[in-house]
């Protein structure tokens, strides 16, 4: 009788251990995603600033209307 009771508890115990491992993996994934979300929110706030937006546009090679763009090929070595 004791053997039957032990056999009945094996499957639920195995399932509990599997869920415990899955839970810790999901918690670490949630932590990573929370950090990424916070970083993206900071970037959105920064891009709402006109100065930051202009700096990013210039980094991408954009110029204001009426400005002249210059490209320097093979700049001299210092």
C-alpha atoms as a PDB file:
ATOM      1  CA  UNK A   1       0.000   0.000   0.000  1.00  0.00           C
ATOM      2  CA  UNK A   2       2.835   2.367   0.858  1.00  0.00           C
ATOM      3  CA  UNK A   3       4.401   1.710  -2.565  1.00  0.00           C
ATOM      4  CA  UNK A   4       1.172   2.711  -4.337  1.00  0.00           C
ATOM      5  CA  UNK A   5       0.973   5.937  -2.335  1.00  0.00           C
ATOM      6  CA  UNK A   6       4.594   6.782  -3.193  1.00  0.00           C
ATOM      7  CA  UNK A   7       3.946   6.092  -6.893  1.00  0.00           C
ATOM      8  CA  UNK A   8       0.915   8.406  -6.794  1.00  0.00           C
ATOM      9  CA  UNK A   9       3.069  11.254  -5.441  1.00  0.00           C
ATOM     10  CA  UNK A  10       5.920  10.889  -7.954  1.00  0.00           C
ATOM     11  CA  UNK A  11       4.180  12.598 -10.884  1.00  0.00           C
ATOM     12  CA  UNK A  12       2.911  15.659  -8.956  1.00  0.00           C
ATOM     13  CA  UNK A  13       6.314  16.076  -7.287  1.00  0.00           C
ATOM     14  CA  UNK A  14       8.092  15.893 -10.648  1.00  0.00           C
ATOM     15  CA  UNK A  15       5.653  18.422 -12.097  1.00  0.00           C
ATOM     16  CA  UNK A  16       6.233  20.768  -9.147  1.00  0.00           C
ATOM     17  CA  UNK A  17      10.013  20.697  -9.675  1.00  0.00           C
ATOM     18  CA  UNK A  18       9.583  21.393 -13.405  1.00  0.00           C
ATOM     19  CA  UNK A  19       7.343  24.378 -12.657  1.00  0.00           C
ATOM     20  CA  UNK A  20       9.850  25.703 -10.148  1.00  0.00           C
ATOM     21  CA  UNK A  21      12.573  25.722 -12.817  1.00  0.00           C
ATOM     22  CA  UNK A  22      10.279  27.370 -15.340  1.00  0.00           C
ATOM     23  CA  UNK A  23       9.296  30.022 -12.809  1.00  0.00           C
ATOM     24  CA  UNK A  24      12.877  31.079 -12.116  1.00  0.00           C
ATOM     25  CA  UNK A  25      13.622  31.278 -15.849  1.00  0.00           C
ATOM     26  CA  UNK A  26      10.533  33.417 -16.422  1.00  0.00           C
ATOM     27  CA  UNK A  27      11.424  35.695 -13.498  1.00  0.00           C
ATOM     28  CA  UNK A  28      14.899  36.309 -14.929  1.00  0.00           C
ATOM     29  CA  UNK A  29      13.370  37.013 -18.362  1.00  0.00           C
ATOM     30  CA  UNK A  30      10.897  39.438 -16.758  1.00  0.00           C
ATOM     31  CA  UNK A  31      13.746  41.215 -14.974  1.00  0.00           C
ATOM     32  CA  UNK A  32      15.671  41.560 -18.250  1.00  0.00           C
ATOM     33  CA  UNK A  33      12.601  42.885 -20.053  1.00  0.00           C
ATOM     34  CA  UNK A  34      11.896  45.388 -17.251  1.00  0.00           C
ATOM     35  CA  UNK A  35      15.431  46.753 -17.579  1.00  0.00           C
ATOM     36  CA  UNK A  36      15.085  46.992 -21.367  1.00  0.00           C
ATOM     37  CA  UNK A  37      11.725  48.733 -20.993  1.00  0.00           C
ATOM     38  CA  UNK A  38      13.214  51.307 -18.608  1.00  0.00           C
ATOM     39  CA  UNK A  39      16.069  51.954 -21.057  1.00  0.00           C
ATOM     40  CA  UNK A  40      13.642  52.454 -23.951  1.00  0.00           C
ATOM     41  CA  UNK A  41      11.509  54.838 -21.867  1.00  0.00           C
ATOM     42  CA  UNK A  42      14.632  56.924 -21.121  1.00  0.00           C
ATOM     43  CA  UNK A  43      15.429  57.011 -24.836  1.00  0.00           C
ATOM     44  CA  UNK A  44      11.885  58.155 -25.677  1.00  0.00           C
ATOM     45  CA  UNK A  45      12.127  60.959 -23.091  1.00  0.00           C
ATOM     46  CA  UNK A  46      15.513  62.016 -24.484  1.00  0.00           C
ATOM     47  CA  UNK A  47      14.243  62.054 -28.071  1.00  0.00           C
ATOM     48  CA  UNK A  48      11.390  64.369 -27.078  1.00  0.00           C
ATOM     49  CA  UNK A  49      14.067  66.987 -26.354  1.00  0.00           C
ATOM     50  CA  UNK A  50      14.634  69.026 -29.558  1.00  0.00           C
ATOM     51  CA  UNK A  51      18.388  69.260 -28.968  1.00  0.00           C
ATOM     52  CA  UNK A  52      18.764  65.499 -28.625  1.00  0.00           C
ATOM     53  CA  UNK A  53      16.575  64.919 -31.648  1.00  0.00           C
ATOM     54  CA  UNK A  54      18.690  67.293 -33.752  1.00  0.00           C
ATOM     55  CA  UNK A  55      21.899  65.661 -32.539  1.00  0.00           C
ATOM     56  CA  UNK A  56      20.586  62.222 -33.503  1.00  0.00           C
ATOM     57  CA  UNK A  57      19.481  63.495 -36.931  1.00  0.00           C
ATOM     58  CA  UNK A  58      22.907  65.015 -37.580  1.00  0.00           C
ATOM     59  CA  UNK A  59      24.576  61.770 -36.510  1.00  0.00           C
ATOM     60  CA  UNK A  60      22.528  60.100 -39.249  1.00  0.00           C
ATOM     61  CA  UNK A  61      23.831  62.658 -41.779  1.00  0.00           C
ATOM     62  CA  UNK A  62      20.754  64.849 -42.028  1.00  0.00           C
ATOM     63  CA  UNK A  63      20.976  68.619 -42.538  1.00  0.00           C
ATOM     64  CA  UNK A  64      18.472  71.417 -42.066  1.00  0.00           C
ATOM     65  CA  UNK A  65      16.698  72.859 -45.064  1.00  0.00           C
ATOM     66  CA  UNK A  66      18.931  75.493 -46.630  1.00  0.00           C
ATOM     67  CA  UNK A  67      22.141  74.107 -45.114  1.00  0.00           C
ATOM     68  CA  UNK A  68      24.873  72.728 -47.320  1.00  0.00           C
ATOM     69  CA  UNK A  69      26.201  69.259 -46.644  1.00  0.00           C
ATOM     70  CA  UNK A  70      29.920  68.513 -46.991  1.00  0.00           C
ATOM     71  CA  UNK A  71      31.568  65.115 -47.242  1.00  0.00           C
ATOM     72  CA  UNK A  72      35.271  64.846 -46.453  1.00  0.00           C
ATOM     73  CA  UNK A  73      36.788  61.763 -48.033  1.00  0.00           C
ATOM     74  CA  UNK A  74      40.056  60.338 -46.723  1.00  0.00           C
ATOM     75  CA  UNK A  75      40.700  62.878 -43.967  1.00  0.00           C
ATOM     76  CA  UNK A  76      44.409  63.476 -43.229  1.00  0.00           C
ATOM     77  CA  UNK A  77      45.967  61.403 -40.456  1.00  0.00           C
ATOM     78  CA  UNK A  78      47.192  63.278 -37.398  1.00  0.00           C
END
